[in-house]
Protein backbone atom coordinates (compact mmCIF):
# COMPACT_ATOMS: atom_id res chain seq x y z
CA MET A 1 -17.89 49.76 -187.91
CA HIS A 2 -21.17 48.75 -187.78
CA LEU A 3 -21.34 46.11 -190.07
CA LYS A 4 -18.25 44.60 -189.17
CA LEU A 5 -19.22 44.85 -185.99
CA ASN A 6 -22.72 42.65 -186.04
CA LEU A 7 -21.45 40.33 -187.99
CA LYS A 8 -18.42 39.55 -185.33
CA THR A 9 -21.44 39.39 -182.87
CA ILE A 10 -23.50 36.82 -184.80
CA LEU A 11 -20.01 34.55 -185.27
CA LEU A 12 -19.64 34.76 -181.52
CA VAL A 13 -23.15 33.70 -180.55
CA LEU A 14 -22.72 31.24 -183.04
CA SER A 15 -19.10 29.90 -181.61
CA ALA A 16 -18.42 27.14 -179.69
CA GLN A 17 -15.86 28.26 -176.88
CA ILE A 18 -13.56 25.83 -177.48
CA ALA A 19 -12.96 24.07 -181.03
CA LEU A 20 -12.06 20.67 -180.77
CA MET A 21 -9.54 19.57 -183.24
CA SER A 22 -11.00 16.55 -185.24
CA ASN A 23 -9.48 13.46 -186.81
CA SER A 24 -11.80 11.52 -189.00
CA TYR A 25 -11.28 7.20 -188.77
CA ALA A 26 -13.21 4.60 -191.38
CA PHE A 27 -16.46 3.75 -189.59
CA GLU A 28 -19.29 2.58 -191.57
CA LEU A 29 -23.05 3.50 -190.86
CA SER A 30 -25.07 0.44 -190.69
CA GLU A 31 -28.81 -0.47 -189.48
CA ASP A 32 -27.36 -2.46 -186.46
CA LEU A 33 -26.58 0.88 -184.58
CA ASN A 34 -30.10 0.90 -182.97
CA LEU A 35 -30.63 4.44 -184.33
CA PRO A 36 -33.66 5.21 -186.03
CA LEU A 37 -33.42 5.06 -189.83
CA LYS A 38 -34.43 8.93 -190.47
CA THR A 39 -30.81 9.75 -187.81
CA LEU A 40 -29.34 7.42 -190.40
CA ASN A 41 -29.75 9.01 -193.55
CA ARG A 42 -29.50 12.36 -192.00
CA ILE A 43 -25.70 11.35 -190.53
CA ASP A 44 -25.15 9.94 -193.75
CA SER A 45 -26.03 13.36 -195.35
CA VAL A 46 -24.11 15.66 -193.92
CA LEU A 47 -21.47 13.10 -193.12
CA ASN A 48 -17.66 14.66 -194.58
CA LYS A 49 -19.23 17.34 -196.29
CA SER A 50 -19.32 21.03 -195.96
CA LEU A 51 -22.28 23.31 -194.56
CA SER A 52 -22.42 26.61 -196.39
CA GLU A 53 -23.82 28.14 -192.84
CA PRO A 54 -21.78 28.32 -189.57
CA ILE A 55 -23.66 25.78 -188.09
CA ASN A 56 -22.64 24.95 -184.92
CA CYS A 57 -22.05 21.82 -183.14
CA TRP A 58 -25.45 21.91 -181.13
CA GLY A 59 -27.60 22.40 -184.37
CA VAL A 60 -25.76 19.20 -186.15
CA ALA A 61 -26.41 16.97 -183.37
CA LEU A 62 -29.92 18.31 -182.19
CA TRP A 63 -31.13 17.50 -185.93
CA SER A 64 -29.50 14.55 -186.41
CA GLN A 65 -32.20 13.23 -183.93
CA GLY A 66 -34.62 14.88 -184.95
CA TYR A 67 -34.86 17.45 -182.26
CA ILE A 68 -34.96 20.32 -184.76
CA GLY A 69 -36.67 20.65 -187.85
CA GLU A 70 -34.11 21.99 -189.58
CA ILE A 71 -30.36 22.12 -189.77
CA ARG A 72 -29.91 25.40 -188.16
CA PRO A 73 -27.42 27.35 -185.39
CA SER A 74 -28.68 26.26 -182.11
CA PHE A 75 -27.39 26.67 -178.54
CA LYS A 76 -26.29 25.01 -175.09
CA THR A 77 -29.41 26.67 -173.97
CA GLU A 78 -31.52 24.87 -176.18
CA VAL A 79 -30.06 22.06 -175.69
CA MET A 80 -30.91 21.66 -172.38
CA HIS A 81 -34.44 22.99 -173.04
CA ILE A 82 -34.52 20.19 -175.69
CA PHE A 83 -33.97 17.40 -172.73
CA GLU A 84 -36.03 18.93 -169.74
CA GLN A 85 -39.45 18.72 -173.08
CA ASN A 86 -38.09 15.42 -173.41
CA ARG A 87 -37.96 14.00 -170.04
CA CYS A 88 -34.00 13.28 -170.93
CA LYS A 89 -32.31 10.96 -168.38
CA LYS A 90 -28.67 12.27 -167.20
CA LEU A 91 -26.72 9.11 -166.97
CA SER A 92 -24.55 8.46 -163.71
CA ALA A 93 -20.97 7.59 -163.78
CA ASP A 94 -21.22 3.78 -163.89
CA GLU A 95 -23.55 3.82 -166.71
CA PRO A 96 -22.23 3.52 -170.03
CA PRO A 97 -23.42 5.70 -172.85
CA ARG A 98 -25.48 3.94 -175.81
CA THR A 99 -25.41 4.71 -179.30
CA GLY A 100 -27.84 7.54 -179.70
CA ASP A 101 -27.02 9.13 -176.47
CA PHE A 102 -25.97 12.91 -176.10
CA GLY A 103 -22.58 13.80 -174.77
CA SER A 104 -21.18 17.16 -173.61
CA PHE A 105 -17.81 18.25 -172.60
CA PHE A 106 -18.14 20.93 -169.99
CA ASN A 107 -16.16 22.83 -167.72
CA SER A 108 -16.44 25.10 -164.28
CA GLU A 109 -15.73 28.13 -166.62
CA SER A 110 -18.17 28.22 -169.50
CA GLY A 111 -20.26 24.97 -168.80
CA ILE A 112 -20.99 22.90 -172.13
CA TYR A 113 -18.86 24.16 -174.78
CA HIS A 114 -19.11 21.07 -176.92
CA THR A 115 -21.86 18.25 -177.72
CA PHE A 116 -21.85 15.36 -179.88
CA VAL A 117 -23.74 11.73 -180.59
CA HIS A 118 -22.35 8.36 -178.99
CA ILE A 119 -22.22 6.37 -182.04
CA LYS A 120 -20.72 3.01 -180.59
CA ASP A 121 -17.59 2.15 -178.02
CA SER A 122 -15.12 5.41 -178.26
CA TRP A 123 -16.93 6.62 -181.76
CA ILE A 124 -18.82 9.62 -182.00
CA PHE A 125 -20.83 12.11 -184.64
CA GLU A 126 -19.69 15.69 -183.90
CA LYS A 127 -19.15 18.97 -185.96
CA GLY A 128 -16.03 20.41 -184.41
CA SER A 129 -16.49 24.03 -185.03
CA PRO A 130 -19.20 26.57 -186.20
CA GLN A 131 -16.43 26.65 -189.15
CA THR A 132 -17.97 26.02 -192.96
CA THR A 133 -14.77 24.18 -193.25
CA ASP A 134 -15.23 22.34 -190.35
CA VAL A 135 -17.27 19.11 -191.76
CA PRO A 136 -19.55 17.11 -189.66
CA LEU A 137 -17.82 13.41 -188.71
CA ILE A 138 -17.62 10.48 -187.15
CA VAL A 139 -14.24 10.20 -185.17
CA ASN A 140 -12.82 8.23 -182.96
CA VAL A 141 -12.36 10.26 -179.40
CA ASP A 142 -9.23 7.66 -178.17
CA LYS A 143 -7.78 8.58 -181.22
CA LYS A 144 -8.76 12.22 -180.93
CA PHE A 145 -6.76 12.92 -177.55
CA GLU A 146 -4.62 10.83 -177.30
CA GLY A 147 -1.29 12.71 -175.96
CA TYR A 148 -3.54 14.50 -173.83
CA PRO A 149 -2.46 14.74 -170.42
CA ILE A 150 -6.54 13.88 -169.60
CA SER A 151 -8.49 10.73 -170.34
CA PHE A 152 -11.48 11.61 -172.24
CA ASP A 153 -13.11 8.64 -171.80
CA LEU A 154 -16.64 8.88 -172.79
CA LYS A 155 -18.85 7.77 -169.65
CA THR A 156 -20.40 10.37 -167.36
CA GLY A 157 -18.26 12.13 -164.82
CA CYS A 158 -15.73 14.77 -163.36
CA LYS A 159 -12.29 14.17 -165.61
CA PHE A 160 -10.43 16.90 -163.43
CA GLY A 161 -11.83 17.74 -160.05
CA SER A 162 -14.62 16.81 -158.06
CA ASP A 163 -18.27 16.13 -159.02
CA THR A 164 -19.24 19.64 -156.99
CA GLU A 165 -15.95 21.88 -158.19
CA CYS A 166 -15.76 19.96 -161.60
CA LYS A 167 -12.78 21.52 -163.43
CA TRP A 168 -13.33 19.32 -166.72
CA GLY A 169 -16.08 16.77 -167.61
CA ILE A 170 -18.45 15.04 -170.09
CA VAL A 171 -22.14 14.87 -168.96
CA ASN A 172 -24.16 11.98 -171.27
CA TYR A 173 -27.89 12.31 -171.37
CA ARG A 174 -30.11 9.73 -172.81
CA CYS A 175 -33.50 10.75 -174.90
CA ASP A 176 -34.98 7.43 -175.21
CA LEU A 177 -38.36 8.93 -177.64
CA HIS A 178 -35.98 9.51 -180.93
CA ASN A 179 -37.19 12.20 -183.55
CA GLN A 180 -39.62 13.64 -180.67
CA ILE A 181 -39.74 17.76 -181.61
CA VAL A 182 -41.68 19.27 -178.54
CA GLN A 183 -43.09 22.14 -180.34
CA THR A 184 -47.05 23.67 -180.18
CA THR A 185 -47.84 26.34 -182.82
CA THR A 186 -48.82 29.18 -180.31
CA GLU A 187 -49.85 32.65 -181.76
CA GLN A 188 -46.48 33.86 -181.06
CA GLY A 189 -45.38 31.57 -182.73
CA GLU A 190 -47.11 32.09 -186.25
CA SER A 191 -46.52 36.01 -185.67
CA LEU A 192 -42.74 34.97 -185.87
CA GLN A 193 -42.84 33.14 -188.82
CA LYS A 194 -45.33 35.43 -190.69
CA LEU A 195 -42.61 38.46 -189.91
CA PHE A 196 -40.03 35.68 -191.07
CA SER A 197 -41.83 35.13 -194.51
CA LYS A 198 -42.16 38.80 -195.80
CA ILE A 199 -38.29 39.54 -194.17
CA ILE A 200 -37.36 36.74 -196.64
CA HIS A 201 -39.47 37.77 -199.42
CA CYS A 202 -38.69 41.59 -198.77
CA SER A 203 -34.71 41.03 -198.57
CA LYS A 204 -35.15 40.30 -202.81
CA PRO A 205 -34.90 43.52 -204.60
CA GLU A 206 -37.34 42.05 -207.68
CA ASN A 207 -40.19 41.71 -205.18
CA ARG A 208 -39.82 45.93 -204.53
CA CYS A 209 -40.97 45.71 -200.96
CA GLU A 210 -37.69 47.21 -199.56
CA SER A 211 -39.66 49.62 -197.37
CA GLU A 212 -41.24 47.24 -195.66
CA PHE A 213 -38.29 44.89 -194.57
CA PRO A 214 -37.06 47.32 -191.94
CA VAL A 215 -40.48 47.12 -190.66
CA ALA A 216 -40.43 43.33 -190.54
CA PHE A 217 -37.22 43.34 -189.01
CA LYS A 218 -37.91 45.55 -186.19
CA ASP A 219 -41.33 43.55 -185.19
CA TYR A 220 -39.28 40.38 -184.98
CA ILE A 221 -36.51 41.36 -183.26
CA MET A 222 -38.43 43.04 -180.39
CA ILE A 223 -40.99 39.74 -180.56
CA LEU A 224 -37.64 37.69 -179.16
CA ASN A 225 -36.19 40.57 -177.18
CA ARG A 226 -39.08 40.75 -175.15
CA ALA A 227 -38.60 36.89 -174.76
CA LEU A 228 -35.42 37.07 -173.88
CA VAL A 229 -36.10 39.12 -170.61
CA SER A 230 -37.31 35.74 -169.45
CA PRO A 231 -34.81 33.15 -170.54
CA GLU A 232 -35.99 30.32 -168.64
CA ASN A 233 -39.34 30.74 -170.48
CA LEU A 234 -38.14 30.28 -174.02
CA THR A 235 -40.11 28.02 -175.78
CA SER A 236 -39.08 25.84 -179.15
CA ASN A 237 -40.91 28.42 -181.53
CA GLU A 238 -38.18 31.08 -180.29
CA PHE A 239 -35.04 29.20 -180.33
CA GLN A 240 -36.14 28.19 -183.99
CA ALA A 241 -36.76 32.04 -184.53
CA ILE A 242 -33.44 32.94 -183.15
CA GLY A 243 -32.00 30.60 -185.55
CA LYS A 244 -33.36 31.10 -188.41
CA ILE A 245 -32.94 35.02 -188.19
CA LEU A 246 -28.88 34.55 -187.35
CA VAL A 247 -28.79 32.30 -190.58
CA PHE A 248 -30.73 34.42 -192.63
CA LEU A 249 -28.21 37.32 -191.99
CA ASN A 250 -25.03 35.20 -192.39
CA LYS A 251 -26.71 34.91 -196.18
CA ASN A 252 -27.43 38.41 -196.40
CA ARG A 253 -25.12 40.51 -194.60
CA ASP A 254 -25.41 43.35 -197.18
CA SER A 255 -29.10 43.43 -195.26
CA LEU A 256 -27.48 44.43 -191.89
CA GLY A 257 -25.85 47.75 -193.44
CA HIS A 258 -29.18 49.03 -194.86
CA LEU A 259 -30.97 48.69 -191.64
CA PRO A 260 -31.71 52.05 -189.73
CA PRO A 261 -29.28 52.61 -186.39
CA GLU A 262 -31.73 51.71 -184.03
CA MET A 263 -32.46 48.51 -185.49
CA LEU A 264 -28.87 47.55 -185.87
CA GLU A 265 -28.92 48.43 -182.24
CA ALA A 266 -31.99 45.73 -181.74
CA PHE A 267 -30.17 43.49 -183.11
CA LEU A 268 -27.33 43.78 -180.75
CA GLN A 269 -29.44 43.81 -177.98
CA LEU A 270 -30.47 40.75 -179.07
CA THR A 271 -27.23 38.65 -179.70
CA ASP A 272 -25.62 40.22 -176.08
CA ALA A 273 -28.90 38.59 -174.53
CA ILE A 274 -28.19 35.42 -175.76
CA THR A 275 -24.62 35.28 -175.31
CA MET A 276 -25.25 36.16 -171.58
CA ILE A 277 -28.06 33.52 -171.70
CA GLU A 278 -25.35 31.46 -172.96
CA ASN A 279 -22.73 32.16 -170.10
CA ASP A 280 -25.28 31.60 -167.31
CA THR A 281 -25.39 27.99 -167.71
CA PHE A 282 -24.71 24.53 -165.78
CA LYS A 283 -20.94 24.38 -164.92
CA THR A 284 -20.61 21.60 -162.35
CA LEU A 285 -21.76 17.81 -162.86
CA ALA A 286 -23.93 18.02 -159.76
CA ASP A 287 -25.84 21.20 -161.56
CA PHE A 288 -26.81 19.16 -164.90
CA PRO A 289 -30.56 18.22 -163.52
CA ASP A 290 -32.20 14.44 -164.33
CA PHE A 291 -34.73 15.66 -166.64
CA SER A 292 -36.40 11.88 -166.55
CA GLN A 293 -37.58 13.24 -162.86
CA HIS A 294 -39.78 15.95 -163.66
CA ALA A 295 -41.46 17.74 -166.42
CA ARG A 296 -42.48 21.21 -167.16
């Protein structure tokens, strides 16, 4: 019962609140798209391919542009954190997005629920949901939403309601510095990395350090739970650590069943805290800040 509950929680944390239906259309990636070669290669490496883990839209979008170092689950809170760290500009309603800009669908109930990368005109690069059967695609938005009652043109703005009371809209951000991972190595980051390495090592039966696994897991989760008390101060190292442990637990689901009850409870506290933070994000167009105007 505990095991099922924890796995369900993991999937809830990873899931976008609305999984968009995707249809793929022929589009050829080329160097004239004004994207860094590294970005083109990353997109091409996952295009139309299944990912072994439940990686979500935020993780794929950020990784494709080089804002996180590995393809992993991410969060809309981390998206906003990275936009702030890179002083990304929120586009106005009269600024058409360019290739490489980030776009996000949002509504007044859940805030951002899906993020993608603009490719060209009506074409976007996205992963529609965290399901492993849902592959990263380049899709044509005009075709994707054909027949929908709301026009989903890709320009920034409120698509249903007003800017201050937007029921449904799109917000676009331009981050001119491609492939900039704003991450400094901190003492806490080093501690998390050492603990994660021990978790990986001791999870393998052949290493015969099973007794050390719960201790390392406990310390790792405790550090993250303390950090989540002040979500506005979360660092890139901590976002990375959260994504890594979620991937690890999806790969090693049996590990949860071997943890003491208090460790399962600590992990539930972690996922509950993440869920609460994700629910407390910008929900109207006017709320989304223009990070280019200031830096943390």
